[in-house]
Amino acid sequence: MNIKLPDDELIPDAELADEWGCTTRTLRRYEHEPNGLAYVLVGGRKFRLVKGSAAWLGRRVRRPNPPRCR
């Protein structure tokens, strides 16, 4: 996934969902998780900060446990 927008730009949910290959419903689900995806309300519409959304997604990376030594 490669977000091509400037880091300080606000984008609407629909645009972010298209970039991430998911739906706006998935974004709404993410915002209700503990430490969920942040948003900004402007005129009653939700917008996401590109930099903040990318950082949130980066914190969700899961790494496998290292193998045990015998």
N, C-alpha and C. Protein backbone atom coordinates (compact mmCIF):
# COMPACT_ATOMS: atom_id res chain seq x y z
N MET A 1 0.85 -1.16 0.00
CA MET A 1 0.00 0.00 0.00
C MET A 1 0.90 1.23 0.00
N ASN A 2 0.62 2.14 -0.90
CA ASN A 2 1.42 3.34 -1.02
C ASN A 2 0.51 4.55 -1.06
N ILE A 3 0.55 5.35 -0.02
CA ILE A 3 -0.26 6.57 0.04
C ILE A 3 0.54 7.68 -0.60
N LYS A 4 -0.01 8.29 -1.65
CA LYS A 4 0.72 9.27 -2.44
C LYS A 4 0.35 10.71 -2.11
N LEU A 5 -0.30 10.95 -1.00
CA LEU A 5 -0.75 12.30 -0.65
C LEU A 5 0.23 12.94 0.33
N PRO A 6 0.28 14.27 0.39
CA PRO A 6 1.15 14.94 1.37
C PRO A 6 0.78 14.54 2.80
N ASP A 7 1.79 14.53 3.67
CA ASP A 7 1.60 14.04 5.04
C ASP A 7 0.62 14.84 5.87
N ASP A 8 0.47 16.14 5.60
CA ASP A 8 -0.36 16.98 6.45
C ASP A 8 -1.76 17.19 5.88
N GLU A 9 -2.12 16.44 4.87
CA GLU A 9 -3.39 16.65 4.20
C GLU A 9 -4.52 15.88 4.88
N LEU A 10 -5.71 16.49 4.90
CA LEU A 10 -6.92 15.82 5.36
C LEU A 10 -7.63 15.22 4.16
N ILE A 11 -8.03 13.96 4.28
CA ILE A 11 -8.76 13.33 3.19
C ILE A 11 -10.04 12.73 3.74
N PRO A 12 -11.09 12.68 2.92
CA PRO A 12 -12.35 12.09 3.38
C PRO A 12 -12.23 10.57 3.50
N ASP A 13 -13.15 9.99 4.28
CA ASP A 13 -13.15 8.55 4.52
C ASP A 13 -13.17 7.75 3.22
N ALA A 14 -13.98 8.17 2.27
CA ALA A 14 -14.11 7.42 1.02
C ALA A 14 -12.77 7.34 0.28
N GLU A 15 -12.03 8.43 0.30
CA GLU A 15 -10.73 8.46 -0.38
C GLU A 15 -9.72 7.56 0.32
N LEU A 16 -9.70 7.61 1.66
CA LEU A 16 -8.78 6.76 2.41
C LEU A 16 -9.14 5.28 2.23
N ALA A 17 -10.42 4.98 2.23
CA ALA A 17 -10.85 3.60 2.02
C ALA A 17 -10.41 3.10 0.65
N ASP A 18 -10.51 3.94 -0.36
CA ASP A 18 -10.03 3.55 -1.70
C ASP A 18 -8.53 3.30 -1.70
N GLU A 19 -7.78 4.17 -1.03
CA GLU A 19 -6.32 4.01 -0.96
C GLU A 19 -5.93 2.71 -0.26
N TRP A 20 -6.64 2.38 0.81
CA TRP A 20 -6.31 1.19 1.61
C TRP A 20 -6.96 -0.08 1.06
N GLY A 21 -7.87 0.06 0.11
CA GLY A 21 -8.54 -1.11 -0.45
C GLY A 21 -9.55 -1.73 0.50
N CYS A 22 -10.25 -0.88 1.25
CA CYS A 22 -11.28 -1.36 2.18
C CYS A 22 -12.52 -0.49 2.01
N THR A 23 -13.50 -0.68 2.87
CA THR A 23 -14.73 0.12 2.81
C THR A 23 -14.73 1.17 3.92
N THR A 24 -15.64 2.13 3.79
CA THR A 24 -15.78 3.14 4.85
C THR A 24 -16.31 2.49 6.12
N ARG A 25 -17.06 1.42 5.98
CA ARG A 25 -17.54 0.70 7.16
C ARG A 25 -16.36 0.12 7.96
N THR A 26 -15.34 -0.37 7.26
CA THR A 26 -14.15 -0.89 7.93
C THR A 26 -13.45 0.23 8.70
N LEU A 27 -13.36 1.42 8.11
CA LEU A 27 -12.75 2.55 8.80
C LEU A 27 -13.53 2.90 10.06
N ARG A 28 -14.85 2.86 9.98
CA ARG A 28 -15.68 3.14 11.17
C ARG A 28 -15.43 2.09 12.24
N ARG A 29 -15.26 0.84 11.83
CA ARG A 29 -14.97 -0.23 12.80
C ARG A 29 -13.60 0.01 13.46
N TYR A 30 -12.62 0.44 12.67
CA TYR A 30 -11.28 0.72 13.21
C TYR A 30 -11.31 1.84 14.24
N GLU A 31 -12.15 2.84 14.04
CA GLU A 31 -12.16 3.96 14.98
C GLU A 31 -12.78 3.60 16.33
N HIS A 32 -13.52 2.50 16.40
CA HIS A 32 -14.13 2.08 17.66
C HIS A 32 -13.28 1.08 18.43
N GLU A 33 -12.13 0.72 17.90
CA GLU A 33 -11.21 -0.16 18.62
C GLU A 33 -10.46 0.65 19.67
N PRO A 34 -9.91 -0.04 20.70
CA PRO A 34 -9.03 0.68 21.64
C PRO A 34 -7.86 1.27 20.85
N ASN A 35 -7.52 2.50 21.12
CA ASN A 35 -6.50 3.23 20.34
C ASN A 35 -6.83 3.21 18.86
N GLY A 36 -8.08 3.45 18.55
CA GLY A 36 -8.57 3.35 17.18
C GLY A 36 -8.10 4.46 16.26
N LEU A 37 -8.52 4.37 15.03
CA LEU A 37 -8.16 5.31 13.98
C LEU A 37 -8.81 6.66 14.25
N ALA A 38 -8.00 7.70 14.35
CA ALA A 38 -8.49 9.04 14.68
C ALA A 38 -9.10 9.72 13.46
N TYR A 39 -9.99 10.67 13.73
CA TYR A 39 -10.62 11.45 12.65
C TYR A 39 -10.86 12.87 13.12
N VAL A 40 -11.16 13.74 12.15
CA VAL A 40 -11.48 15.13 12.41
C VAL A 40 -12.84 15.41 11.78
N LEU A 41 -13.75 16.02 12.54
CA LEU A 41 -15.04 16.40 11.99
C LEU A 41 -14.96 17.82 11.46
N VAL A 42 -15.29 18.00 10.19
CA VAL A 42 -15.32 19.32 9.58
C VAL A 42 -16.65 19.43 8.85
N GLY A 43 -17.49 20.31 9.34
CA GLY A 43 -18.80 20.49 8.72
C GLY A 43 -19.66 19.24 8.76
N GLY A 44 -19.51 18.44 9.80
CA GLY A 44 -20.30 17.22 9.93
C GLY A 44 -19.77 16.04 9.13
N ARG A 45 -18.65 16.22 8.42
CA ARG A 45 -18.05 15.13 7.65
C ARG A 45 -16.75 14.69 8.30
N LYS A 46 -16.46 13.39 8.23
CA LYS A 46 -15.22 12.86 8.81
C LYS A 46 -14.09 12.92 7.80
N PHE A 47 -12.97 13.41 8.30
CA PHE A 47 -11.74 13.45 7.52
C PHE A 47 -10.64 12.80 8.34
N ARG A 48 -9.65 12.26 7.66
CA ARG A 48 -8.51 11.62 8.32
C ARG A 48 -7.24 12.35 7.93
N LEU A 49 -6.33 12.48 8.88
CA LEU A 49 -5.00 13.00 8.58
C LEU A 49 -4.20 11.86 7.95
N VAL A 50 -3.60 12.13 6.81
CA VAL A 50 -2.84 11.10 6.10
C VAL A 50 -1.70 10.58 6.97
N LYS A 51 -0.94 11.49 7.57
CA LYS A 51 0.21 11.09 8.38
C LYS A 51 -0.24 10.28 9.60
N GLY A 52 -1.28 10.73 10.28
CA GLY A 52 -1.77 10.02 11.46
C GLY A 52 -2.34 8.65 11.12
N SER A 53 -3.03 8.55 9.99
CA SER A 53 -3.60 7.27 9.58
C SER A 53 -2.51 6.27 9.20
N ALA A 54 -1.49 6.76 8.51
CA ALA A 54 -0.37 5.88 8.15
C ALA A 54 0.37 5.40 9.39
N ALA A 55 0.55 6.29 10.38
CA ALA A 55 1.22 5.91 11.62
C ALA A 55 0.38 4.88 12.39
N TRP A 56 -0.92 5.09 12.43
CA TRP A 56 -1.81 4.14 13.12
C TRP A 56 -1.72 2.76 12.45
N LEU A 57 -1.73 2.74 11.14
CA LEU A 57 -1.64 1.48 10.42
C LEU A 57 -0.29 0.80 10.67
N GLY A 58 0.77 1.58 10.75
CA GLY A 58 2.10 1.03 11.03
C GLY A 58 2.20 0.40 12.41
N ARG A 59 1.46 0.94 13.37
CA ARG A 59 1.48 0.37 14.73
C ARG A 59 0.72 -0.95 14.81
N ARG A 60 -0.07 -1.26 13.80
CA ARG A 60 -0.86 -2.49 13.80
C ARG A 60 -0.11 -3.69 13.20
N VAL A 61 1.11 -3.48 12.76
CA VAL A 61 1.90 -4.56 12.16
C VAL A 61 2.19 -5.61 13.23
N ARG A 62 1.91 -6.85 12.88
CA ARG A 62 2.17 -7.95 13.81
C ARG A 62 3.34 -8.77 13.28
N ARG A 63 4.23 -9.09 14.18
CA ARG A 63 5.38 -9.88 13.82
C ARG A 63 5.27 -11.25 14.49
N PRO A 64 5.68 -12.30 13.78
CA PRO A 64 5.59 -13.63 14.39
C PRO A 64 6.58 -13.76 15.53
N ASN A 65 6.25 -14.64 16.46
CA ASN A 65 7.17 -14.91 17.56
C ASN A 65 8.42 -15.58 17.03
N PRO A 66 9.57 -15.27 17.61
CA PRO A 66 10.79 -15.96 17.17
C PRO A 66 10.74 -17.43 17.58
N PRO A 67 11.40 -18.32 16.83
CA PRO A 67 11.39 -19.73 17.19
C PRO A 67 12.14 -19.95 18.51
N ARG A 68 11.71 -20.92 19.25
CA ARG A 68 12.38 -21.25 20.52
C ARG A 68 13.67 -21.99 20.25
N CYS A 69 14.67 -21.68 21.05
CA CYS A 69 15.94 -22.38 20.95
C CYS A 69 15.85 -23.66 21.74
N ARG A 70 16.44 -24.69 21.24
CA ARG A 70 16.40 -25.99 21.96
C ARG A 70 17.75 -26.36 22.47
